[in-house]
PDB file of N, CA and C in Angstrom:
ATOM      1  N   UNK A   1      -9.440  12.585 -19.282  1.00  0.00           N
ATOM      2  CA  UNK A   1      -8.870  11.163 -18.827  1.00  0.00           C
ATOM      3  C   UNK A   1      -7.438  11.570 -18.982  1.00  0.00           C
ATOM      4  N   UNK A   2      -6.823  11.615 -17.813  1.00  0.00           N
ATOM      5  CA  UNK A   2      -5.185  11.854 -18.342  1.00  0.00           C
ATOM      6  C   UNK A   2      -4.282  10.557 -17.940  1.00  0.00           C
ATOM      7  N   UNK A   3      -3.741   9.922 -18.556  1.00  0.00           N
ATOM      8  CA  UNK A   3      -3.449   8.637 -18.231  1.00  0.00           C
ATOM      9  C   UNK A   3      -2.709   8.545 -17.390  1.00  0.00           C
ATOM     10  N   UNK A   4      -1.380   9.597 -17.636  1.00  0.00           N
ATOM     11  CA  UNK A   4      -0.485  10.179 -16.426  1.00  0.00           C
ATOM     12  C   UNK A   4      -0.720  10.090 -15.264  1.00  0.00           C
ATOM     13  N   UNK A   5      -2.009  10.604 -14.587  1.00  0.00           N
ATOM     14  CA  UNK A   5      -2.049  10.678 -13.135  1.00  0.00           C
ATOM     15  C   UNK A   5      -2.804   9.031 -13.068  1.00  0.00           C
ATOM     16  N   UNK A   6      -3.655   8.704 -13.684  1.00  0.00           N
ATOM     17  CA  UNK A   6      -3.523   7.643 -13.316  1.00  0.00           C
ATOM     18  C   UNK A   6      -2.293   5.890 -13.256  1.00  0.00           C
ATOM     19  N   UNK A   7      -1.449   6.225 -14.207  1.00  0.00           N
ATOM     20  CA  UNK A   7      -0.047   6.035 -13.799  1.00  0.00           C
ATOM     21  C   UNK A   7       0.401   5.829 -12.519  1.00  0.00           C
ATOM     22  N   UNK A   8       0.392   7.546 -12.138  1.00  0.00           N
ATOM     23  CA  UNK A   8       1.443   7.243 -11.060  1.00  0.00           C
ATOM     24  C   UNK A   8       0.197   6.507  -9.711  1.00  0.00           C
ATOM     25  N   UNK A   9      -1.463   6.975 -10.025  1.00  0.00           N
ATOM     26  CA  UNK A   9      -2.291   7.074  -9.239  1.00  0.00           C
ATOM     27  C   UNK A   9      -2.189   5.807  -8.386  1.00  0.00           C
ATOM     28  N   UNK A  10      -2.020   4.234  -9.615  1.00  0.00           N
ATOM     29  CA  UNK A  10      -2.526   3.248  -9.153  1.00  0.00           C
ATOM     30  C   UNK A  10      -0.657   2.324  -8.681  1.00  0.00           C
ATOM     31  N   UNK A  11       0.372   2.873  -8.765  1.00  0.00           N
ATOM     32  CA  UNK A  11       1.433   2.271  -8.367  1.00  0.00           C
ATOM     33  C   UNK A  11       1.712   2.668  -6.662  1.00  0.00           C
ATOM     34  N   UNK A  12       0.950   4.085  -6.490  1.00  0.00           N
ATOM     35  CA  UNK A  12       1.320   4.443  -5.306  1.00  0.00           C
ATOM     36  C   UNK A  12      -0.368   3.768  -4.823  1.00  0.00           C
ATOM     37  N   UNK A  13      -1.076   3.694  -5.069  1.00  0.00           N
ATOM     38  CA  UNK A  13      -2.890   2.958  -3.696  1.00  0.00           C
ATOM     39  C   UNK A  13      -2.147   1.685  -3.775  1.00  0.00           C
ATOM     40  N   UNK A  14      -1.175   0.971  -4.587  1.00  0.00           N
ATOM     41  CA  UNK A  14      -0.957  -0.391  -4.324  1.00  0.00           C
ATOM     42  C   UNK A  14       0.514  -0.231  -2.946  1.00  0.00           C
ATOM     43  N   UNK A  15       1.290   0.757  -2.946  1.00  0.00           N
ATOM     44  CA  UNK A  15       2.608   1.012  -2.206  1.00  0.00           C
ATOM     45  C   UNK A  15       1.588   0.720  -0.746  1.00  0.00           C
ATOM     46  N   UNK A  16       0.514   1.931  -0.863  1.00  0.00           N
ATOM     47  CA  UNK A  16       0.267   2.404   0.407  1.00  0.00           C
ATOM     48  C   UNK A  16      -0.649   0.922   0.949  1.00  0.00           C
ATOM     49  N   UNK A  17      -1.172   0.565  -0.176  1.00  0.00           N
ATOM     50  CA  UNK A  17      -1.848  -1.223   0.685  1.00  0.00           C
ATOM     51  C   UNK A  17      -1.093  -2.389   0.908  1.00  0.00           C
ATOM     52  N   UNK A  18       0.391  -2.498   0.113  1.00  0.00           N
ATOM     53  CA  UNK A  18       1.268  -2.991   0.905  1.00  0.00           C
ATOM     54  C   UNK A  18       2.076  -2.748   1.881  1.00  0.00           C
ATOM     55  N   UNK A  19       1.989  -1.781   2.248  1.00  0.00           N
ATOM     56  CA  UNK A  19       2.394  -1.271   3.280  1.00  0.00           C
ATOM     57  C   UNK A  19       1.581  -1.342   4.513  1.00  0.00           C
ATOM     58  N   UNK A  20       0.019  -1.223   4.691  1.00  0.00           N
ATOM     59  CA  UNK A  20      -0.750  -1.205   5.282  1.00  0.00           C
ATOM     60  C   UNK A  20      -0.248  -2.963   5.734  1.00  0.00           C
ATOM     61  N   UNK A  21      -1.121  -3.615   4.775  1.00  0.00           N
ATOM     62  CA  UNK A  21      -0.806  -4.957   5.559  1.00  0.00           C
ATOM     63  C   UNK A  21       0.884  -5.624   5.950  1.00  0.00           C
ATOM     64  N   UNK A  22       1.476  -5.419   5.900  1.00  0.00           N
ATOM     65  CA  UNK A  22       3.170  -4.855   5.964  1.00  0.00           C
ATOM     66  C   UNK A  22       2.747  -4.164   7.352  1.00  0.00           C
ATOM     67  N   UNK A  23       1.966  -3.334   7.660  1.00  0.00           N
ATOM     68  CA  UNK A  23       1.927  -3.091   9.186  1.00  0.00           C
ATOM     69  C   UNK A  23       0.929  -3.726   9.689  1.00  0.00           C
ATOM     70  N   UNK A  24       0.079  -4.590   9.324  1.00  0.00           N
ATOM     71  CA  UNK A  24      -0.674  -5.085  10.484  1.00  0.00           C
ATOM     72  C   UNK A  24      -0.001  -6.496  10.708  1.00  0.00           C
ATOM     73  N   UNK A  25       0.655  -7.629   9.240  1.00  0.00           N
ATOM     74  CA  UNK A  25       1.420  -8.511   9.908  1.00  0.00           C
ATOM     75  C   UNK A  25       2.289  -8.362  11.129  1.00  0.00           C
ATOM     76  N   UNK A  26       2.772  -7.628  10.318  1.00  0.00           N
ATOM     77  CA  UNK A  26       4.308  -6.589  11.803  1.00  0.00           C
ATOM     78  C   UNK A  26       3.333  -6.336  13.802  1.00  0.00           C
ATOM     79  N   UNK A  27       2.387  -5.836  13.898  1.00  0.00           N
ATOM     80  CA  UNK A  27       1.620  -5.619  15.100  1.00  0.00           C
ATOM     81  C   UNK A  27       1.392  -7.490  15.215  1.00  0.00           C
ATOM     82  N   UNK A  28       0.889  -8.322  14.404  1.00  0.00           N
ATOM     83  CA  UNK A  28       0.082  -9.155  14.173  1.00  0.00           C
ATOM     84  C   UNK A  28       1.445  -9.991  15.353  1.00  0.00           C
ATOM     85  N   UNK A  29       2.694  -9.980  14.704  1.00  0.00           N
ATOM     86  CA  UNK A  29       4.277 -11.020  15.095  1.00  0.00           C
ATOM     87  C   UNK A  29       4.792 -10.269  16.106  1.00  0.00           C
ATOM     88  N   UNK A  30       4.101  -8.500  16.664  1.00  0.00           N
ATOM     89  CA  UNK A  30       4.663  -8.529  17.796  1.00  0.00           C
ATOM     90  C   UNK A  30       3.815  -8.691  19.066  1.00  0.00           C
ATOM     91  N   UNK A  31       2.882  -9.044  18.750  1.00  0.00           N
ATOM     92  CA  UNK A  31       1.469  -9.268  20.003  1.00  0.00           C
ATOM     93  C   UNK A  31       1.947 -10.830  20.433  1.00  0.00           C
ATOM     94  N   UNK A  32       2.407 -11.547  19.286  1.00  0.00           N
ATOM     95  CA  UNK A  32       2.681 -13.084  19.797  1.00  0.00           C
ATOM     96  C   UNK A  32       4.298 -12.833  19.962  1.00  0.00           C
TER      97      UNK A  32
END
């Protein structure tokens, strides 16, 4: 268990999730 890998991975996963949500919201706004 390397804490360095976890500390680097989770912020990246959060960023990916954030961009996915933002992208979906953008598509909804464009459709409207």
